[in-house]
Amino acid sequence: MASSPRVIALIMAAGRARRFGSDKRLARLPGGGTLLAATLAGTRHLFAERFLVIGGHDAPGHRLADAAGVGSLVAPRAELGLGHSIADATSELLRHDLEAEALAVVLGDMPGVAATTYAGLVGAAASGRIVRPGYHGRPGHPVLFGRDFWPALARLAGPKGARDVIAAHHSALCRIEVDDPGIRIDVDRPEDLARLG
């Protein structure tokens, strides 16, 4: 039986969460635990390595990165938008030449993604492929980028995340339909927490 592709997870948690009004990473979910802890728990055992991407405003050794088995990467330009955070983190991966076929851009405020969704995405990963889940025909997160696209990710800028990379390489996009509404549910405001109960 072939082994799964080696995939690294970048768990994006560098933003200031201005719409939320406080540090949403530490917001308590209806079932207990924090928002970010739930996202980290959901990625456990599914990726070769996991890195929590934090902002330059987070103190070194910030408690967010204390979870066992999770490294941390600092995105010094996080204030400029998600694209810059992805670029900073991917540039760091390229500098360290980590062996992997793909990386997953996991949004730290989406704790409802099912383990089966992560597993299906990882199983479809390849160096020349972008893998994105869909629910009822609508795209969601996380998105996996094969190693061929890492240089493009490292050049990203602004608030749009990696949408431009996906658009520029549409022929490489592999859509996987999943029965998982969690790929479309993120937390921007305190009232959004209720949708996760």
Protein backbone atom coordinates (compact mmCIF):
# COMPACT_ATOMS: atom_id res chain seq x y z
CA MET A 1 0.00 0.00 0.00
CA ALA A 2 1.44 3.41 -0.99
CA SER A 3 2.21 5.82 1.83
CA SER A 4 0.41 9.17 2.04
CA PRO A 5 2.14 12.20 0.52
CA ARG A 6 4.21 14.19 3.00
CA VAL A 7 2.22 17.33 3.71
CA ILE A 8 3.07 20.22 6.05
CA ALA A 9 0.32 22.26 7.71
CA LEU A 10 0.63 26.03 8.08
CA ILE A 11 -1.97 26.99 10.68
CA MET A 12 -2.61 30.67 10.08
CA ALA A 13 -3.08 32.58 13.33
CA ALA A 14 -1.18 35.82 12.75
CA GLY A 15 -4.05 38.26 12.26
CA ARG A 16 -5.25 40.87 14.75
CA ALA A 17 -8.94 39.80 14.56
CA ARG A 18 -10.18 43.39 14.64
CA ARG A 19 -13.75 42.37 13.69
CA PHE A 20 -13.86 40.00 16.65
CA GLY A 21 -12.89 42.72 19.13
CA SER A 22 -10.38 40.65 21.12
CA ASP A 23 -7.89 37.82 20.58
CA LYS A 24 -10.24 35.31 19.00
CA ARG A 25 -7.57 32.62 19.10
CA LEU A 26 -8.24 32.41 22.84
CA ALA A 27 -12.04 32.67 22.59
CA ARG A 28 -13.89 29.87 24.36
CA LEU A 29 -16.04 27.53 22.32
CA PRO A 30 -19.49 26.40 23.52
CA GLY A 31 -18.09 22.95 24.31
CA GLY A 32 -15.04 24.27 26.17
CA GLY A 33 -11.49 24.87 25.00
CA THR A 34 -10.28 27.69 22.82
CA LEU A 35 -10.89 28.32 19.16
CA LEU A 36 -7.26 27.85 18.17
CA ALA A 37 -6.80 24.79 20.39
CA ALA A 38 -9.74 23.14 18.61
CA THR A 39 -8.21 23.86 15.20
CA LEU A 40 -4.85 22.48 16.33
CA ALA A 41 -6.52 19.36 17.75
CA GLY A 42 -8.30 18.78 14.45
CA THR A 43 -5.01 18.67 12.56
CA ARG A 44 -3.28 16.26 14.93
CA HIS A 45 -1.92 13.02 13.40
CA LEU A 46 -2.81 14.10 9.86
CA PHE A 47 0.25 16.08 8.77
CA ALA A 48 3.96 15.30 8.65
CA GLU A 49 4.69 18.58 10.45
CA ARG A 50 2.58 21.45 11.73
CA PHE A 51 3.58 25.09 12.11
CA LEU A 52 1.55 27.77 13.83
CA VAL A 53 2.01 31.05 11.96
CA ILE A 54 1.94 33.96 14.40
CA GLY A 55 2.46 37.69 13.92
CA GLY A 56 5.41 39.87 14.76
CA HIS A 57 3.22 41.42 17.47
CA ASP A 58 3.13 38.07 19.31
CA ALA A 59 5.89 37.74 21.87
CA PRO A 60 8.58 35.10 21.22
CA GLY A 61 7.56 31.81 22.79
CA HIS A 62 3.94 32.97 22.81
CA ARG A 63 1.65 30.53 24.66
CA LEU A 64 -0.27 29.88 21.43
CA ALA A 65 2.62 27.82 20.11
CA ASP A 66 3.03 25.67 23.22
CA ALA A 67 0.98 22.77 21.88
CA ALA A 68 2.97 19.55 21.67
CA GLY A 69 4.12 18.72 18.17
CA VAL A 70 3.49 22.19 16.77
CA GLY A 71 6.33 24.45 15.70
CA SER A 72 5.94 28.17 15.17
CA LEU A 73 6.81 30.57 12.37
CA VAL A 74 6.67 34.34 12.72
CA ALA A 75 5.11 36.40 9.93
CA PRO A 76 6.67 39.86 10.42
CA ARG A 77 4.34 41.43 7.82
CA ALA A 78 1.10 39.94 9.15
CA GLU A 79 -0.36 43.42 9.67
CA LEU A 80 -0.45 43.80 5.87
CA GLY A 81 -2.83 40.89 5.34
CA LEU A 82 -3.15 37.13 5.01
CA GLY A 83 -1.21 37.07 1.74
CA HIS A 84 1.85 38.51 3.47
CA SER A 85 1.50 36.00 6.32
CA ILE A 86 1.39 33.07 3.89
CA ALA A 87 4.36 34.53 1.98
CA ASP A 88 6.45 34.98 5.13
CA ALA A 89 5.74 31.44 6.35
CA THR A 90 6.32 29.80 2.96
CA SER A 91 9.56 31.72 2.46
CA GLU A 92 10.76 30.33 5.78
CA LEU A 93 9.89 26.78 4.68
CA LEU A 94 11.80 27.29 1.43
CA ARG A 95 14.83 28.60 3.31
CA HIS A 96 14.90 25.49 5.47
CA ASP A 97 14.25 23.22 2.48
CA LEU A 98 11.84 20.98 4.38
CA GLU A 99 11.03 17.79 2.52
CA ALA A 100 7.36 17.69 1.62
CA GLU A 101 5.21 17.33 -1.45
CA ALA A 102 2.67 19.93 -0.36
CA LEU A 103 1.62 22.36 2.31
CA ALA A 104 -1.85 22.98 3.65
CA VAL A 105 -2.97 26.52 4.41
CA VAL A 106 -5.20 25.92 7.44
CA LEU A 107 -7.10 28.91 8.81
CA GLY A 108 -6.81 29.04 12.58
CA ASP A 109 -10.40 30.22 12.99
CA MET A 110 -11.96 27.16 11.32
CA PRO A 111 -12.06 24.46 14.02
CA GLY A 112 -14.99 22.55 12.50
CA VAL A 113 -13.13 20.88 9.61
CA ALA A 114 -13.58 17.13 9.90
CA ALA A 115 -10.63 14.75 10.24
CA THR A 116 -11.95 12.81 7.24
CA THR A 117 -11.75 15.99 5.15
CA TYR A 118 -8.13 16.58 6.14
CA ALA A 119 -7.31 12.95 5.38
CA GLY A 120 -8.93 13.09 1.95
CA LEU A 121 -7.08 16.27 1.03
CA VAL A 122 -3.73 14.89 2.19
CA GLY A 123 -4.34 11.70 0.21
CA ALA A 124 -4.88 13.74 -2.96
CA ALA A 125 -1.81 15.96 -2.51
CA ALA A 126 0.92 16.05 -5.14
CA SER A 127 3.74 18.44 -5.95
CA GLY A 128 2.02 19.73 -9.10
CA ARG A 129 -1.51 19.96 -7.72
CA ILE A 130 -3.63 22.42 -5.73
CA VAL A 131 -6.29 20.57 -3.73
CA ARG A 132 -9.39 22.33 -2.43
CA PRO A 133 -12.50 20.93 -0.75
CA GLY A 134 -16.03 21.84 -1.72
CA TYR A 135 -19.34 21.54 0.10
CA HIS A 136 -22.53 21.55 -2.00
CA GLY A 137 -20.45 22.92 -4.88
CA ARG A 138 -19.03 25.85 -2.90
CA PRO A 139 -15.27 26.01 -2.23
CA GLY A 140 -13.86 25.96 1.26
CA HIS A 141 -10.71 25.51 3.33
CA PRO A 142 -8.07 24.31 3.89
CA VAL A 143 -6.32 24.46 0.53
CA LEU A 144 -3.28 22.28 -0.20
CA PHE A 145 -0.54 23.61 -2.48
CA GLY A 146 1.93 21.27 -4.09
CA ARG A 147 5.59 22.16 -3.79
CA ASP A 148 5.64 23.50 -7.37
CA PHE A 149 3.52 26.44 -6.16
CA TRP A 150 5.53 27.36 -3.07
CA PRO A 151 7.58 30.05 -4.85
CA ALA A 152 4.32 31.70 -5.96
CA LEU A 153 3.02 31.56 -2.37
CA ALA A 154 6.23 33.18 -1.16
CA ARG A 155 5.49 36.18 -3.41
CA LEU A 156 1.96 36.80 -2.14
CA ALA A 157 0.92 40.16 -0.73
CA GLY A 158 -2.19 41.85 0.61
CA PRO A 159 -5.39 40.62 2.24
CA LYS A 160 -6.66 38.12 -0.37
CA GLY A 161 -4.68 35.14 0.85
CA ALA A 162 -3.74 32.72 -1.93
CA ARG A 163 -6.67 33.35 -4.27
CA ASP A 164 -4.39 34.75 -6.97
CA VAL A 165 -2.23 31.60 -6.96
CA ILE A 166 -5.31 29.42 -7.34
CA ALA A 167 -6.63 31.60 -10.18
CA ALA A 168 -3.29 31.64 -11.99
CA HIS A 169 -2.98 27.84 -11.88
CA HIS A 170 -6.58 26.82 -12.48
CA SER A 171 -5.58 23.79 -14.56
CA ALA A 172 -3.73 22.36 -11.54
CA LEU A 173 -6.75 22.68 -9.25
CA CYS A 174 -8.23 19.44 -7.93
CA ARG A 175 -11.61 19.92 -6.27
CA ILE A 176 -12.78 17.33 -3.77
CA GLU A 177 -16.44 17.37 -2.78
CA VAL A 178 -16.87 16.60 0.93
CA ASP A 179 -19.86 16.18 3.22
CA ASP A 180 -18.42 18.65 5.71
CA PRO A 181 -19.99 22.08 6.35
CA GLY A 182 -16.99 22.87 8.56
CA ILE A 183 -14.93 23.80 5.50
CA ARG A 184 -17.13 26.90 5.11
CA ILE A 185 -17.52 28.01 8.73
CA ASP A 186 -15.02 30.49 10.11
CA VAL A 187 -15.21 32.77 13.12
CA ASP A 188 -15.00 36.50 12.43
CA ARG A 189 -17.27 37.85 15.18
CA PRO A 190 -18.23 36.61 18.68
CA GLU A 191 -21.71 35.62 17.47
CA ASP A 192 -20.10 33.18 15.01
CA LEU A 193 -19.01 30.98 17.92
CA ALA A 194 -22.58 29.76 18.36
CA ARG A 195 -22.45 28.10 14.92
CA LEU A 196 -19.74 25.78 16.23
CA GLY A 197 -21.82 24.38 19.12
